[in-house]
Amino acid sequence: MPYFERINKEYADKKVKVILASLDFPNKVQSQVVPFIKKNELHSEIVLLDDADANSWIPKVSEDWSGAIPATVIYKKENRMFYEKSFTYEELKTEIQKLL
């Protein structure tokens, strides 16, 4: 996550926006998610995906997604890339630059 935060800050002037999605259960938001956000000083937009029917939305994210995390979607208009893996900062930066 630190690499996504770094990208969010360093690429803000290039219209790159990082959105982090939490897949935590809604009853864990106040006890786990919020403290995690504060402790790690996250500034990216964070959304809670609390639809329990994962089988309905996983293929909408990517037909290639097994549902494992971490998962990343990078897109610009009609260009869309999906990754089911972790990134180093340099790997993430390289993938983003492909769309700039």
C-alpha atoms as a PDB file:
ATOM      1  CA  MET A   1       0.000   0.000   0.000  1.00  0.00           C
ATOM      2  CA  PRO A   2       2.815   2.471   0.555  1.00  0.00           C
ATOM      3  CA  TYR A   3       3.587   2.359  -3.174  1.00  0.00           C
ATOM      4  CA  PHE A   4       0.027   3.268  -4.078  1.00  0.00           C
ATOM      5  CA  GLU A   5       0.131   6.161  -1.621  1.00  0.00           C
ATOM      6  CA  ARG A   6       3.397   7.336  -3.150  1.00  0.00           C
ATOM      7  CA  ILE A   7       1.929   7.111  -6.659  1.00  0.00           C
ATOM      8  CA  ASN A   8      -1.149   9.041  -5.518  1.00  0.00           C
ATOM      9  CA  LYS A   9       1.044  11.874  -4.277  1.00  0.00           C
ATOM     10  CA  GLU A  10       3.668  11.907  -7.014  1.00  0.00           C
ATOM     11  CA  TYR A  11       1.256  11.635  -9.943  1.00  0.00           C
ATOM     12  CA  ALA A  12      -1.520  13.908  -8.723  1.00  0.00           C
ATOM     13  CA  ASP A  13      -0.567  16.576 -11.269  1.00  0.00           C
ATOM     14  CA  LYS A  14      -0.811  13.965 -14.053  1.00  0.00           C
ATOM     15  CA  LYS A  15      -4.452  13.206 -13.260  1.00  0.00           C
ATOM     16  CA  VAL A  16      -3.674   9.826 -11.725  1.00  0.00           C
ATOM     17  CA  LYS A  17      -6.103   8.912  -8.967  1.00  0.00           C
ATOM     18  CA  VAL A  18      -5.615   6.014  -6.585  1.00  0.00           C
ATOM     19  CA  ILE A  19      -8.736   4.409  -5.160  1.00  0.00           C
ATOM     20  CA  LEU A  20      -8.247   1.711  -2.546  1.00  0.00           C
ATOM     21  CA  ALA A  21     -11.030  -0.815  -2.044  1.00  0.00           C
ATOM     22  CA  SER A  22     -11.564  -2.504   1.283  1.00  0.00           C
ATOM     23  CA  LEU A  23     -13.192  -5.923   1.161  1.00  0.00           C
ATOM     24  CA  ASP A  24     -13.611  -6.042   4.937  1.00  0.00           C
ATOM     25  CA  PHE A  25     -16.934  -6.914   6.524  1.00  0.00           C
ATOM     26  CA  PRO A  26     -18.999  -3.821   7.401  1.00  0.00           C
ATOM     27  CA  ASN A  27     -18.911  -4.707  11.115  1.00  0.00           C
ATOM     28  CA  LYS A  28     -15.075  -4.453  11.007  1.00  0.00           C
ATOM     29  CA  VAL A  29     -14.942  -0.919   9.577  1.00  0.00           C
ATOM     30  CA  GLN A  30     -14.802   0.969  12.884  1.00  0.00           C
ATOM     31  CA  SER A  31     -12.718  -1.578  14.775  1.00  0.00           C
ATOM     32  CA  GLN A  32     -10.181  -2.487  12.066  1.00  0.00           C
ATOM     33  CA  VAL A  33     -10.423  -0.467   8.839  1.00  0.00           C
ATOM     34  CA  VAL A  34     -10.536   3.046  10.312  1.00  0.00           C
ATOM     35  CA  PRO A  35      -7.654   2.407  12.749  1.00  0.00           C
ATOM     36  CA  PHE A  36      -5.620   0.894   9.877  1.00  0.00           C
ATOM     37  CA  ILE A  37      -6.243   3.986   7.720  1.00  0.00           C
ATOM     38  CA  LYS A  38      -5.189   6.308  10.545  1.00  0.00           C
ATOM     39  CA  LYS A  39      -2.154   4.258  11.583  1.00  0.00           C
ATOM     40  CA  ASN A  40      -0.854   4.084   8.012  1.00  0.00           C
ATOM     41  CA  GLU A  41      -1.806   7.693   7.236  1.00  0.00           C
ATOM     42  CA  LEU A  42      -3.609   6.760   4.033  1.00  0.00           C
ATOM     43  CA  HIS A  43      -4.676   9.725   1.901  1.00  0.00           C
ATOM     44  CA  SER A  44      -5.985   7.918  -1.167  1.00  0.00           C
ATOM     45  CA  GLU A  45      -9.709   7.598  -1.636  1.00  0.00           C
ATOM     46  CA  ILE A  46     -10.964   4.454   0.091  1.00  0.00           C
ATOM     47  CA  VAL A  47     -14.189   2.666  -0.710  1.00  0.00           C
ATOM     48  CA  LEU A  48     -15.793  -0.235   1.112  1.00  0.00           C
ATOM     49  CA  LEU A  49     -16.969  -3.028  -1.147  1.00  0.00           C
ATOM     50  CA  ASP A  50     -19.382  -4.786   1.152  1.00  0.00           C
ATOM     51  CA  ASP A  51     -21.428  -6.822  -1.325  1.00  0.00           C
ATOM     52  CA  ALA A  52     -21.263 -10.344   0.063  1.00  0.00           C
ATOM     53  CA  ASP A  53     -22.132 -11.883  -3.309  1.00  0.00           C
ATOM     54  CA  ALA A  54     -18.563 -11.875  -4.633  1.00  0.00           C
ATOM     55  CA  ASN A  55     -19.500 -14.216  -7.461  1.00  0.00           C
ATOM     56  CA  SER A  56     -21.651 -11.468  -8.963  1.00  0.00           C
ATOM     57  CA  TRP A  57     -19.023  -8.709  -9.025  1.00  0.00           C
ATOM     58  CA  ILE A  58     -15.648 -10.488  -9.335  1.00  0.00           C
ATOM     59  CA  PRO A  59     -16.115 -11.175 -13.073  1.00  0.00           C
ATOM     60  CA  LYS A  60     -17.193  -7.551 -13.575  1.00  0.00           C
ATOM     61  CA  VAL A  61     -13.805  -6.433 -12.267  1.00  0.00           C
ATOM     62  CA  SER A  62     -12.027  -8.935 -14.523  1.00  0.00           C
ATOM     63  CA  GLU A  63     -12.924 -12.249 -16.109  1.00  0.00           C
ATOM     64  CA  ASP A  64      -9.344 -13.282 -15.219  1.00  0.00           C
ATOM     65  CA  TRP A  65      -9.723 -12.559 -11.498  1.00  0.00           C
ATOM     66  CA  SER A  66      -9.881 -15.589  -9.234  1.00  0.00           C
ATOM     67  CA  GLY A  67     -10.971 -13.347  -6.345  1.00  0.00           C
ATOM     68  CA  ALA A  68      -7.553 -13.450  -4.664  1.00  0.00           C
ATOM     69  CA  ILE A  69      -6.033 -10.278  -3.277  1.00  0.00           C
ATOM     70  CA  PRO A  70      -4.144  -8.129  -3.821  1.00  0.00           C
ATOM     71  CA  ALA A  71      -5.727  -7.201  -7.119  1.00  0.00           C
ATOM     72  CA  THR A  72      -5.165  -4.015  -9.074  1.00  0.00           C
ATOM     73  CA  VAL A  73      -6.984  -2.393 -11.968  1.00  0.00           C
ATOM     74  CA  ILE A  74      -5.241   0.391 -13.876  1.00  0.00           C
ATOM     75  CA  TYR A  75      -7.251   2.127 -16.548  1.00  0.00           C
ATOM     76  CA  LYS A  76      -7.501   5.169 -18.738  1.00  0.00           C
ATOM     77  CA  LYS A  77     -10.602   5.508 -20.876  1.00  0.00           C
ATOM     78  CA  GLU A  78     -10.945   2.274 -22.865  1.00  0.00           C
ATOM     79  CA  ASN A  79      -7.482   0.955 -21.912  1.00  0.00           C
ATOM     80  CA  ARG A  80      -7.688  -1.378 -18.934  1.00  0.00           C
ATOM     81  CA  MET A  81      -5.093  -3.589 -17.277  1.00  0.00           C
ATOM     82  CA  PHE A  82      -5.769  -6.070 -14.492  1.00  0.00           C
ATOM     83  CA  TYR A  83      -3.206  -7.619 -12.138  1.00  0.00           C
ATOM     84  CA  GLU A  84      -3.612 -10.242  -9.443  1.00  0.00           C
ATOM     85  CA  LYS A  85      -0.271  -9.657  -7.727  1.00  0.00           C
ATOM     86  CA  SER A  86       1.774  -7.379  -5.506  1.00  0.00           C
ATOM     87  CA  PHE A  87       3.923  -4.627  -6.986  1.00  0.00           C
ATOM     88  CA  THR A  88       7.241  -3.024  -6.209  1.00  0.00           C
ATOM     89  CA  TYR A  89       7.161   0.749  -6.587  1.00  0.00           C
ATOM     90  CA  GLU A  90       9.083   0.551  -9.861  1.00  0.00           C
ATOM     91  CA  GLU A  91       6.736  -2.095 -11.292  1.00  0.00           C
ATOM     92  CA  LEU A  92       3.686  -0.035 -10.388  1.00  0.00           C
ATOM     93  CA  LYS A  93       5.213   3.124 -11.817  1.00  0.00           C
ATOM     94  CA  THR A  94       6.098   1.322 -15.066  1.00  0.00           C
ATOM     95  CA  GLU A  95       2.553   0.023 -15.512  1.00  0.00           C
ATOM     96  CA  ILE A  96       1.026   3.436 -14.862  1.00  0.00           C
ATOM     97  CA  GLN A  97       3.390   5.142 -17.279  1.00  0.00           C
ATOM     98  CA  LYS A  98       2.197   2.818 -20.041  1.00  0.00           C
ATOM     99  CA  LEU A  99      -1.135   4.644 -19.945  1.00  0.00           C
ATOM    100  CA  LEU A 100       0.074   8.217 -19.503  1.00  0.00           C
END
